[in-house]
């Protein structure tokens, strides 16, 4: 992707994925990577920040003799996602208007 992604948009992507189902770090990274070119080392600080902001909570599940840490959306996270969706819609409409209104003749 040509465009760089800002932290709030990355937060919105993570929250949107977790709105559908809880996920552990590796699968969450894989899902975000389908949208944005990021590494696990980029995603984990985002997860920690969202957890610190009470947008996410975690729980561990045993898997093949180890624990997987799952991330789950909180009510605060749902509210933040709703805010991001409204902001994105406004931003997207402005960019669509700008790009659609340019004449290259």
PDB file of N, CA and C in Angstrom:
ATOM      1  N   UNK A   1       0.845  -1.173   0.000  1.00  0.00           N
ATOM      2  CA  UNK A   1       0.000   0.000   0.000  1.00  0.00           C
ATOM      3  C   UNK A   1       0.888   1.233   0.000  1.00  0.00           C
ATOM      4  N   UNK A   2       0.525   2.210  -0.775  1.00  0.00           N
ATOM      5  CA  UNK A   2       1.297   3.432  -0.918  1.00  0.00           C
ATOM      6  C   UNK A   2       1.158   4.342   0.291  1.00  0.00           C
ATOM      7  N   UNK A   3      -0.001   4.365   0.894  1.00  0.00           N
ATOM      8  CA  UNK A   3      -0.283   5.297   1.977  1.00  0.00           C
ATOM      9  C   UNK A   3       0.189   4.753   3.316  1.00  0.00           C
ATOM     10  N   UNK A   4       0.745   5.640   4.130  1.00  0.00           N
ATOM     11  CA  UNK A   4       1.117   5.243   5.486  1.00  0.00           C
ATOM     12  C   UNK A   4      -0.131   5.294   6.360  1.00  0.00           C
ATOM     13  N   UNK A   5      -0.174   4.410   7.326  1.00  0.00           N
ATOM     14  CA  UNK A   5      -1.346   4.335   8.196  1.00  0.00           C
ATOM     15  C   UNK A   5      -1.031   4.996   9.532  1.00  0.00           C
ATOM     16  N   UNK A   6      -1.921   5.849   9.975  1.00  0.00           N
ATOM     17  CA  UNK A   6      -1.753   6.536  11.254  1.00  0.00           C
ATOM     18  C   UNK A   6      -2.229   5.627  12.387  1.00  0.00           C
ATOM     19  N   UNK A   7      -1.735   5.892  13.582  1.00  0.00           N
ATOM     20  CA  UNK A   7      -2.063   5.064  14.749  1.00  0.00           C
ATOM     21  C   UNK A   7      -3.568   4.919  14.979  1.00  0.00           C
ATOM     22  N   UNK A   8      -4.363   5.998  14.914  1.00  0.00           N
ATOM     23  CA  UNK A   8      -5.800   5.813  15.150  1.00  0.00           C
ATOM     24  C   UNK A   8      -6.464   4.881  14.135  1.00  0.00           C
ATOM     25  N   UNK A   9      -5.997   4.918  12.895  1.00  0.00           N
ATOM     26  CA  UNK A   9      -6.585   4.029  11.892  1.00  0.00           C
ATOM     27  C   UNK A   9      -6.193   2.580  12.156  1.00  0.00           C
ATOM     28  N   UNK A  10      -4.973   2.362  12.599  1.00  0.00           N
ATOM     29  CA  UNK A  10      -4.541   1.015  12.977  1.00  0.00           C
ATOM     30  C   UNK A  10      -5.344   0.527  14.183  1.00  0.00           C
ATOM     31  N   UNK A  11      -5.566   1.416  15.153  1.00  0.00           N
ATOM     32  CA  UNK A  11      -6.412   1.073  16.306  1.00  0.00           C
ATOM     33  C   UNK A  11      -7.800   0.649  15.832  1.00  0.00           C
ATOM     34  N   UNK A  12      -8.363   1.424  14.904  1.00  0.00           N
ATOM     35  CA  UNK A  12      -9.700   1.122  14.394  1.00  0.00           C
ATOM     36  C   UNK A  12      -9.737  -0.242  13.709  1.00  0.00           C
ATOM     37  N   UNK A  13      -8.691  -0.570  12.954  1.00  0.00           N
ATOM     38  CA  UNK A  13      -8.625  -1.878  12.287  1.00  0.00           C
ATOM     39  C   UNK A  13      -8.622  -3.013  13.311  1.00  0.00           C
ATOM     40  N   UNK A  14      -7.802  -2.868  14.345  1.00  0.00           N
ATOM     41  CA  UNK A  14      -7.719  -3.898  15.393  1.00  0.00           C
ATOM     42  C   UNK A  14      -9.064  -4.042  16.097  1.00  0.00           C
ATOM     43  N   UNK A  15      -9.666  -2.926  16.472  1.00  0.00           N
ATOM     44  CA  UNK A  15     -10.951  -2.977  17.177  1.00  0.00           C
ATOM     45  C   UNK A  15     -12.035  -3.594  16.296  1.00  0.00           C
ATOM     46  N   UNK A  16     -12.023  -3.282  15.007  1.00  0.00           N
ATOM     47  CA  UNK A  16     -13.028  -3.832  14.089  1.00  0.00           C
ATOM     48  C   UNK A  16     -12.887  -5.345  13.955  1.00  0.00           C
ATOM     49  N   UNK A  17     -11.662  -5.829  13.914  1.00  0.00           N
ATOM     50  CA  UNK A  17     -11.443  -7.277  13.842  1.00  0.00           C
ATOM     51  C   UNK A  17     -11.939  -7.942  15.119  1.00  0.00           C
ATOM     52  N   UNK A  18     -11.621  -7.342  16.259  1.00  0.00           N
ATOM     53  CA  UNK A  18     -12.014  -7.938  17.539  1.00  0.00           C
ATOM     54  C   UNK A  18     -13.506  -7.790  17.820  1.00  0.00           C
ATOM     55  N   UNK A  19     -14.170  -6.894  17.105  1.00  0.00           N
ATOM     56  CA  UNK A  19     -15.620  -6.770  17.249  1.00  0.00           C
ATOM     57  C   UNK A  19     -16.298  -8.059  16.777  1.00  0.00           C
ATOM     58  N   UNK A  20     -15.698  -8.705  15.785  1.00  0.00           N
ATOM     59  CA  UNK A  20     -16.280  -9.930  15.229  1.00  0.00           C
ATOM     60  C   UNK A  20     -16.021 -11.146  16.110  1.00  0.00           C
ATOM     61  N   UNK A  21     -14.783 -11.251  16.638  1.00  0.00           N
ATOM     62  CA  UNK A  21     -14.447 -12.382  17.504  1.00  0.00           C
ATOM     63  C   UNK A  21     -13.134 -12.103  18.225  1.00  0.00           C
ATOM     64  N   UNK A  22     -12.963 -12.736  19.371  1.00  0.00           N
ATOM     65  CA  UNK A  22     -11.703 -12.645  20.104  1.00  0.00           C
ATOM     66  C   UNK A  22     -10.606 -13.273  19.249  1.00  0.00           C
ATOM     67  N   UNK A  23      -9.382 -12.804  19.432  1.00  0.00           N
ATOM     68  CA  UNK A  23      -8.271 -13.348  18.639  1.00  0.00           C
ATOM     69  C   UNK A  23      -6.985 -13.287  19.439  1.00  0.00           C
ATOM     70  N   UNK A  24      -6.059 -14.193  19.123  1.00  0.00           N
ATOM     71  CA  UNK A  24      -4.738 -14.139  19.749  1.00  0.00           C
ATOM     72  C   UNK A  24      -3.792 -13.409  18.796  1.00  0.00           C
ATOM     73  N   UNK A  25      -2.646 -13.024  19.318  1.00  0.00           N
ATOM     74  CA  UNK A  25      -1.735 -12.137  18.612  1.00  0.00           C
ATOM     75  C   UNK A  25      -1.409 -12.520  17.186  1.00  0.00           C
ATOM     76  N   UNK A  26      -1.054 -13.781  16.960  1.00  0.00           N
ATOM     77  CA  UNK A  26      -0.644 -14.201  15.620  1.00  0.00           C
ATOM     78  C   UNK A  26      -1.781 -14.057  14.610  1.00  0.00           C
ATOM     79  N   UNK A  27      -2.969 -14.542  14.951  1.00  0.00           N
ATOM     80  CA  UNK A  27      -4.088 -14.451  14.005  1.00  0.00           C
ATOM     81  C   UNK A  27      -4.518 -13.002  13.811  1.00  0.00           C
ATOM     82  N   UNK A  28      -4.451 -12.229  14.867  1.00  0.00           N
ATOM     83  CA  UNK A  28      -4.792 -10.811  14.767  1.00  0.00           C
ATOM     84  C   UNK A  28      -3.826 -10.106  13.812  1.00  0.00           C
ATOM     85  N   UNK A  29      -2.542 -10.397  13.958  1.00  0.00           N
ATOM     86  CA  UNK A  29      -1.538  -9.818  13.060  1.00  0.00           C
ATOM     87  C   UNK A  29      -1.811 -10.228  11.615  1.00  0.00           C
ATOM     88  N   UNK A  30      -2.117 -11.498  11.400  1.00  0.00           N
ATOM     89  CA  UNK A  30      -2.392 -11.988  10.043  1.00  0.00           C
ATOM     90  C   UNK A  30      -3.598 -11.274   9.437  1.00  0.00           C
ATOM     91  N   UNK A  31      -4.640 -11.052  10.234  1.00  0.00           N
ATOM     92  CA  UNK A  31      -5.833 -10.377   9.723  1.00  0.00           C
ATOM     93  C   UNK A  31      -5.550  -8.911   9.414  1.00  0.00           C
ATOM     94  N   UNK A  32      -4.796  -8.245  10.274  1.00  0.00           N
ATOM     95  CA  UNK A  32      -4.452  -6.843  10.024  1.00  0.00           C
ATOM     96  C   UNK A  32      -3.562  -6.748   8.783  1.00  0.00           C
ATOM     97  N   UNK A  33      -2.642  -7.707   8.617  1.00  0.00           N
ATOM     98  CA  UNK A  33      -1.731  -7.693   7.469  1.00  0.00           C
ATOM     99  C   UNK A  33      -2.471  -7.844   6.143  1.00  0.00           C
ATOM    100  N   UNK A  34      -3.665  -8.415   6.159  1.00  0.00           N
ATOM    101  CA  UNK A  34      -4.460  -8.506   4.934  1.00  0.00           C
ATOM    102  C   UNK A  34      -4.892  -7.121   4.466  1.00  0.00           C
ATOM    103  N   UNK A  35      -4.918  -6.170   5.387  1.00  0.00           N
ATOM    104  CA  UNK A  35      -5.377  -4.816   5.098  1.00  0.00           C
ATOM    105  C   UNK A  35      -4.208  -3.843   4.991  1.00  0.00           C
ATOM    106  N   UNK A  36      -3.266  -3.973   5.924  1.00  0.00           N
ATOM    107  CA  UNK A  36      -2.164  -3.023   6.066  1.00  0.00           C
ATOM    108  C   UNK A  36      -0.859  -3.797   6.206  1.00  0.00           C
ATOM    109  N   UNK A  37       0.194  -3.287   5.611  1.00  0.00           N
ATOM    110  CA  UNK A  37       1.500  -3.939   5.708  1.00  0.00           C
ATOM    111  C   UNK A  37       2.158  -3.562   7.037  1.00  0.00           C
ATOM    112  N   UNK A  38       2.023  -4.441   8.041  1.00  0.00           N
ATOM    113  CA  UNK A  38       2.630  -4.208   9.353  1.00  0.00           C
ATOM    114  C   UNK A  38       3.321  -5.485   9.816  1.00  0.00           C
ATOM    115  N   UNK A  39       4.129  -5.344  10.844  1.00  0.00           N
ATOM    116  CA  UNK A  39       4.790  -6.510  11.433  1.00  0.00           C
ATOM    117  C   UNK A  39       4.213  -6.752  12.824  1.00  0.00           C
ATOM    118  N   UNK A  40       4.501  -7.932  13.368  1.00  0.00           N
ATOM    119  CA  UNK A  40       4.057  -8.226  14.733  1.00  0.00           C
ATOM    120  C   UNK A  40       4.643  -7.226  15.712  1.00  0.00           C
ATOM    121  N   UNK A  41       5.885  -6.813  15.464  1.00  0.00           N
ATOM    122  CA  UNK A  41       6.526  -5.869  16.381  1.00  0.00           C
ATOM    123  C   UNK A  41       5.828  -4.512  16.365  1.00  0.00           C
ATOM    124  N   UNK A  42       5.104  -4.202  15.306  1.00  0.00           N
ATOM    125  CA  UNK A  42       4.312  -2.976  15.254  1.00  0.00           C
ATOM    126  C   UNK A  42       2.992  -3.166  15.983  1.00  0.00           C
ATOM    127  N   UNK A  43       2.411  -4.341  15.858  1.00  0.00           N
ATOM    128  CA  UNK A  43       1.073  -4.568  16.401  1.00  0.00           C
ATOM    129  C   UNK A  43       1.047  -4.699  17.921  1.00  0.00           C
ATOM    130  N   UNK A  44       2.030  -5.344  18.514  1.00  0.00           N
ATOM    131  CA  UNK A  44       1.971  -5.583  19.957  1.00  0.00           C
ATOM    132  C   UNK A  44       1.960  -4.300  20.793  1.00  0.00           C
ATOM    133  N   UNK A  45       2.710  -3.259  20.432  1.00  0.00           N
ATOM    134  CA  UNK A  45       2.564  -1.997  21.177  1.00  0.00           C
ATOM    135  C   UNK A  45       1.157  -1.398  21.041  1.00  0.00           C
ATOM    136  N   UNK A  46       0.538  -1.587  19.876  1.00  0.00           N
ATOM    137  CA  UNK A  46      -0.837  -1.122  19.672  1.00  0.00           C
ATOM    138  C   UNK A  46      -1.768  -1.866  20.619  1.00  0.00           C
ATOM    139  N   UNK A  47      -1.603  -3.176  20.711  1.00  0.00           N
ATOM    140  CA  UNK A  47      -2.442  -3.979  21.609  1.00  0.00           C
ATOM    141  C   UNK A  47      -2.241  -3.563  23.064  1.00  0.00           C
ATOM    142  N   UNK A  48      -0.997  -3.323  23.450  1.00  0.00           N
ATOM    143  CA  UNK A  48      -0.729  -2.890  24.834  1.00  0.00           C
ATOM    144  C   UNK A  48      -1.374  -1.537  25.122  1.00  0.00           C
ATOM    145  N   UNK A  49      -1.279  -0.618  24.158  1.00  0.00           N
ATOM    146  CA  UNK A  49      -1.877   0.704  24.347  1.00  0.00           C
ATOM    147  C   UNK A  49      -3.400   0.605  24.453  1.00  0.00           C
ATOM    148  N   UNK A  50      -4.009  -0.185  23.575  1.00  0.00           N
ATOM    149  CA  UNK A  50      -5.465  -0.347  23.625  1.00  0.00           C
ATOM    150  C   UNK A  50      -5.899  -1.012  24.929  1.00  0.00           C
ATOM    151  N   UNK A  51      -5.080  -1.919  25.422  1.00  0.00           N
ATOM    152  CA  UNK A  51      -5.380  -2.564  26.706  1.00  0.00           C
ATOM    153  C   UNK A  51      -5.253  -1.547  27.842  1.00  0.00           C
ATOM    154  N   UNK A  52      -4.208  -0.731  27.796  1.00  0.00           N
ATOM    155  CA  UNK A  52      -3.997   0.303  28.821  1.00  0.00           C
ATOM    156  C   UNK A  52      -5.156   1.305  28.828  1.00  0.00           C
ATOM    157  N   UNK A  53      -5.702   1.584  27.637  1.00  0.00           N
ATOM    158  CA  UNK A  53      -6.825   2.520  27.507  1.00  0.00           C
ATOM    159  C   UNK A  53      -8.170   1.856  27.791  1.00  0.00           C
ATOM    160  N   UNK A  54      -8.147   0.631  28.286  1.00  0.00           N
ATOM    161  CA  UNK A  54      -9.349  -0.143  28.632  1.00  0.00           C
ATOM    162  C   UNK A  54     -10.240  -0.463  27.435  1.00  0.00           C
ATOM    163  N   UNK A  55      -9.653  -0.479  26.249  1.00  0.00           N
ATOM    164  CA  UNK A  55     -10.405  -0.861  25.051  1.00  0.00           C
ATOM    165  C   UNK A  55     -10.387  -2.373  24.839  1.00  0.00           C
ATOM    166  N   UNK A  56      -9.370  -3.026  25.411  1.00  0.00           N
ATOM    167  CA  UNK A  56      -9.215  -4.474  25.284  1.00  0.00           C
ATOM    168  C   UNK A  56      -8.962  -5.096  26.640  1.00  0.00           C
ATOM    169  N   UNK A  57      -9.323  -6.347  26.747  1.00  0.00           N
ATOM    170  CA  UNK A  57      -8.941  -7.168  27.892  1.00  0.00           C
ATOM    171  C   UNK A  57      -8.338  -8.454  27.326  1.00  0.00           C
ATOM    172  N   UNK A  58      -7.634  -9.190  28.161  1.00  0.00           N
ATOM    173  CA  UNK A  58      -7.010 -10.427  27.688  1.00  0.00           C
ATOM    174  C   UNK A  58      -7.405 -11.599  28.572  1.00  0.00           C
ATOM    175  N   UNK A  59      -7.302 -12.768  28.005  1.00  0.00           N
ATOM    176  CA  UNK A  59      -7.436 -14.008  28.768  1.00  0.00           C
ATOM    177  C   UNK A  59      -6.579 -15.063  28.075  1.00  0.00           C
ATOM    178  N   UNK A  60      -6.152 -16.050  28.833  1.00  0.00           N
ATOM    179  CA  UNK A  60      -5.292 -17.108  28.302  1.00  0.00           C
ATOM    180  C   UNK A  60      -6.087 -18.390  28.098  1.00  0.00           C
ATOM    181  N   UNK A  61      -5.765 -19.091  27.006  1.00  0.00           N
ATOM    182  CA  UNK A  61      -6.364 -20.387  26.696  1.00  0.00           C
ATOM    183  C   UNK A  61      -5.233 -21.375  26.440  1.00  0.00           C
ATOM    184  N   UNK A  62      -5.280 -22.556  27.056  1.00  0.00           N
ATOM    185  CA  UNK A  62      -4.248 -23.550  26.763  1.00  0.00           C
ATOM    186  C   UNK A  62      -4.353 -24.050  25.320  1.00  0.00           C
ATOM    187  N   UNK A  63      -3.188 -24.221  24.691  1.00  0.00           N
ATOM    188  CA  UNK A  63      -3.132 -24.736  23.326  1.00  0.00           C
ATOM    189  C   UNK A  63      -1.820 -25.486  23.154  1.00  0.00           C
ATOM    190  N   UNK A  64      -1.906 -26.784  22.926  1.00  0.00           N
ATOM    191  CA  UNK A  64      -0.743 -27.645  22.709  1.00  0.00           C
ATOM    192  C   UNK A  64       0.343 -27.432  23.773  1.00  0.00           C
ATOM    193  N   UNK A  65      -0.073 -27.443  25.017  1.00  0.00           N
ATOM    194  CA  UNK A  65       0.868 -27.351  26.124  1.00  0.00           C
ATOM    195  C   UNK A  65       1.324 -25.950  26.491  1.00  0.00           C
ATOM    196  N   UNK A  66       0.833 -24.944  25.798  1.00  0.00           N
ATOM    197  CA  UNK A  66       1.169 -23.558  26.138  1.00  0.00           C
ATOM    198  C   UNK A  66      -0.116 -22.749  26.227  1.00  0.00           C
ATOM    199  N   UNK A  67       0.022 -21.542  26.697  1.00  0.00           N
ATOM    200  CA  UNK A  67      -1.124 -20.640  26.743  1.00  0.00           C
ATOM    201  C   UNK A  67      -1.072 -19.664  25.580  1.00  0.00           C
ATOM    202  N   UNK A  68      -2.220 -19.452  24.987  1.00  0.00           N
ATOM    203  CA  UNK A  68      -2.370 -18.391  23.992  1.00  0.00           C
ATOM    204  C   UNK A  68      -3.092 -17.237  24.672  1.00  0.00           C
ATOM    205  N   UNK A  69      -2.594 -16.051  24.465  1.00  0.00           N
ATOM    206  CA  UNK A  69      -3.249 -14.861  25.013  1.00  0.00           C
ATOM    207  C   UNK A  69      -4.228 -14.319  23.979  1.00  0.00           C
ATOM    208  N   UNK A  70      -5.488 -14.322  24.357  1.00  0.00           N
ATOM    209  CA  UNK A  70      -6.544 -13.807  23.488  1.00  0.00           C
ATOM    210  C   UNK A  70      -6.901 -12.382  23.891  1.00  0.00           C
ATOM    211  N   UNK A  71      -7.235 -11.584  22.889  1.00  0.00           N
ATOM    212  CA  UNK A  71      -7.654 -10.199  23.103  1.00  0.00           C
ATOM    213  C   UNK A  71      -9.148 -10.118  22.851  1.00  0.00           C
ATOM    214  N   UNK A  72      -9.819  -9.348  23.706  1.00  0.00           N
ATOM    215  CA  UNK A  72     -11.273  -9.238  23.652  1.00  0.00           C
ATOM    216  C   UNK A  72     -11.651  -7.767  23.773  1.00  0.00           C
ATOM    217  N   UNK A  73     -12.619  -7.350  22.990  1.00  0.00           N
ATOM    218  CA  UNK A  73     -13.108  -5.981  23.003  1.00  0.00           C
ATOM    219  C   UNK A  73     -13.917  -5.725  24.271  1.00  0.00           C
ATOM    220  N   UNK A  74     -13.703  -4.578  24.901  1.00  0.00           N
ATOM    221  CA  UNK A  74     -14.486  -4.177  26.072  1.00  0.00           C
ATOM    222  C   UNK A  74     -15.581  -3.203  25.624  1.00  0.00           C
ATOM    223  N   UNK A  75     -16.435  -2.807  26.548  1.00  0.00           N
ATOM    224  CA  UNK A  75     -17.450  -1.802  26.226  1.00  0.00           C
ATOM    225  C   UNK A  75     -16.797  -0.485  25.813  1.00  0.00           C
ATOM    226  N   UNK A  76     -15.713  -0.119  26.481  1.00  0.00           N
ATOM    227  CA  UNK A  76     -14.972   1.093  26.108  1.00  0.00           C
ATOM    228  C   UNK A  76     -14.430   0.952  24.691  1.00  0.00           C
ATOM    229  N   UNK A  77     -13.932  -0.229  24.356  1.00  0.00           N
ATOM    230  CA  UNK A  77     -13.431  -0.489  23.007  1.00  0.00           C
ATOM    231  C   UNK A  77     -14.532  -0.389  21.967  1.00  0.00           C
ATOM    232  N   UNK A  78     -15.719  -0.862  22.300  1.00  0.00           N
ATOM    233  CA  UNK A  78     -16.858  -0.769  21.379  1.00  0.00           C
ATOM    234  C   UNK A  78     -17.228   0.688  21.136  1.00  0.00           C
ATOM    235  N   UNK A  79     -17.212   1.492  22.202  1.00  0.00           N
ATOM    236  CA  UNK A  79     -17.501   2.923  22.064  1.00  0.00           C
ATOM    237  C   UNK A  79     -16.446   3.604  21.193  1.00  0.00           C
ATOM    238  N   UNK A  80     -15.190   3.259  21.417  1.00  0.00           N
ATOM    239  CA  UNK A  80     -14.096   3.838  20.632  1.00  0.00           C
ATOM    240  C   UNK A  80     -14.233   3.446  19.164  1.00  0.00           C
ATOM    241  N   UNK A  81     -14.605   2.200  18.900  1.00  0.00           N
ATOM    242  CA  UNK A  81     -14.792   1.749  17.526  1.00  0.00           C
ATOM    243  C   UNK A  81     -15.933   2.514  16.854  1.00  0.00           C
ATOM    244  N   UNK A  82     -17.016   2.738  17.558  1.00  0.00           N
ATOM    245  CA  UNK A  82     -18.130   3.520  17.016  1.00  0.00           C
ATOM    246  C   UNK A  82     -17.659   4.923  16.646  1.00  0.00           C
ATOM    247  N   UNK A  83     -16.862   5.532  17.527  1.00  0.00           N
ATOM    248  CA  UNK A  83     -16.291   6.853  17.258  1.00  0.00           C
ATOM    249  C   UNK A  83     -15.427   6.810  16.001  1.00  0.00           C
ATOM    250  N   UNK A  84     -14.545   5.814  15.903  1.00  0.00           N
ATOM    251  CA  UNK A  84     -13.659   5.695  14.741  1.00  0.00           C
ATOM    252  C   UNK A  84     -14.449   5.488  13.454  1.00  0.00           C
ATOM    253  N   UNK A  85     -15.521   4.720  13.513  1.00  0.00           N
ATOM    254  CA  UNK A  85     -16.339   4.491  12.316  1.00  0.00           C
ATOM    255  C   UNK A  85     -16.951   5.797  11.816  1.00  0.00           C
ATOM    256  N   UNK A  86     -17.439   6.622  12.736  1.00  0.00           N
ATOM    257  CA  UNK A  86     -18.017   7.919  12.352  1.00  0.00           C
ATOM    258  C   UNK A  86     -16.944   8.834  11.772  1.00  0.00           C
ATOM    259  N   UNK A  87     -15.785   8.874  12.422  1.00  0.00           N
ATOM    260  CA  UNK A  87     -14.675   9.694  11.936  1.00  0.00           C
ATOM    261  C   UNK A  87     -14.229   9.233  10.547  1.00  0.00           C
ATOM    262  N   UNK A  88     -14.130   7.921  10.355  1.00  0.00           N
ATOM    263  CA  UNK A  88     -13.699   7.383   9.069  1.00  0.00           C
ATOM    264  C   UNK A  88     -14.692   7.756   7.976  1.00  0.00           C
ATOM    265  N   UNK A  89     -15.968   7.645   8.257  1.00  0.00           N
ATOM    266  CA  UNK A  89     -16.988   7.966   7.260  1.00  0.00           C
ATOM    267  C   UNK A  89     -16.867   9.425   6.826  1.00  0.00           C
ATOM    268  N   UNK A  90     -16.690  10.318   7.775  1.00  0.00           N
ATOM    269  CA  UNK A  90     -16.526  11.738   7.471  1.00  0.00           C
ATOM    270  C   UNK A  90     -15.266  11.973   6.636  1.00  0.00           C
ATOM    271  N   UNK A  91     -14.156  11.383   7.055  1.00  0.00           N
ATOM    272  CA  UNK A  91     -12.879  11.527   6.351  1.00  0.00           C
ATOM    273  C   UNK A  91     -12.975  10.963   4.935  1.00  0.00           C
ATOM    274  N   UNK A  92     -13.539   9.776   4.816  1.00  0.00           N
ATOM    275  CA  UNK A  92     -13.679   9.104   3.523  1.00  0.00           C
ATOM    276  C   UNK A  92     -14.526   9.938   2.566  1.00  0.00           C
ATOM    277  N   UNK A  93     -15.619  10.498   3.063  1.00  0.00           N
ATOM    278  CA  UNK A  93     -16.481  11.321   2.219  1.00  0.00           C
ATOM    279  C   UNK A  93     -15.753  12.560   1.712  1.00  0.00           C
ATOM    280  N   UNK A  94     -14.952  13.184   2.567  1.00  0.00           N
ATOM    281  CA  UNK A  94     -14.196  14.372   2.153  1.00  0.00           C
ATOM    282  C   UNK A  94     -13.159  14.019   1.092  1.00  0.00           C
ATOM    283  N   UNK A  95     -12.451  12.916   1.282  1.00  0.00           N
ATOM    284  CA  UNK A  95     -11.449  12.490   0.302  1.00  0.00           C
ATOM    285  C   UNK A  95     -12.122  12.093  -1.011  1.00  0.00           C
ATOM    286  N   UNK A  96     -13.239  11.367  -0.932  1.00  0.00           N
ATOM    287  CA  UNK A  96     -13.972  10.989  -2.144  1.00  0.00           C
ATOM    288  C   UNK A  96     -14.417  12.231  -2.913  1.00  0.00           C
ATOM    289  N   UNK A  97     -14.905  13.236  -2.196  1.00  0.00           N
ATOM    290  CA  UNK A  97     -15.333  14.479  -2.828  1.00  0.00           C
ATOM    291  C   UNK A  97     -14.152  15.175  -3.484  1.00  0.00           C
ATOM    292  N   UNK A  98     -13.054  15.249  -2.771  1.00  0.00           N
ATOM    293  CA  UNK A  98     -11.860  15.902  -3.305  1.00  0.00           C
ATOM    294  C   UNK A  98     -11.340  15.182  -4.547  1.00  0.00           C
ATOM    295  N   UNK A  99     -11.167  13.880  -4.458  1.00  0.00           N
ATOM    296  CA  UNK A  99     -10.632  13.124  -5.589  1.00  0.00           C
ATOM    297  C   UNK A  99     -11.615  13.054  -6.746  1.00  0.00           C
ATOM    298  N   UNK A 100     -12.884  12.948  -6.426  1.00  0.00           N
ATOM    299  CA  UNK A 100     -13.904  12.882  -7.469  1.00  0.00           C
ATOM    300  C   UNK A 100     -14.127  14.216  -8.154  1.00  0.00           C
ATOM    301  N   UNK A 101     -13.779  15.307  -7.472  1.00  0.00           N
ATOM    302  CA  UNK A 101     -14.011  16.642  -8.013  1.00  0.00           C
ATOM    303  C   UNK A 101     -12.859  17.188  -8.831  1.00  0.00           C
ATOM    304  N   UNK A 102     -11.766  16.440  -8.948  1.00  0.00           N
ATOM    305  CA  UNK A 102     -10.602  16.921  -9.689  1.00  0.00           C
ATOM    306  C   UNK A 102     -10.752  16.561 -11.161  1.00  0.00           C
ATOM    307  N   UNK A 103     -10.556  17.550 -12.017  1.00  0.00           N
ATOM    308  CA  UNK A 103     -10.608  17.310 -13.459  1.00  0.00           C
ATOM    309  C   UNK A 103      -9.184  17.267 -14.000  1.00  0.00           C
ATOM    310  N   UNK A 104      -8.866  16.227 -14.763  1.00  0.00           N
ATOM    311  CA  UNK A 104      -7.519  16.064 -15.315  1.00  0.00           C
ATOM    312  C   UNK A 104      -7.456  16.432 -16.791  1.00  0.00           C
ATOM    313  N   UNK A 105      -8.395  17.192 -17.299  1.00  0.00           N
ATOM    314  CA  UNK A 105      -8.430  17.553 -18.721  1.00  0.00           C
ATOM    315  C   UNK A 105      -7.456  18.655 -19.032  1.00  0.00           C
TER     316      UNK A 105
END
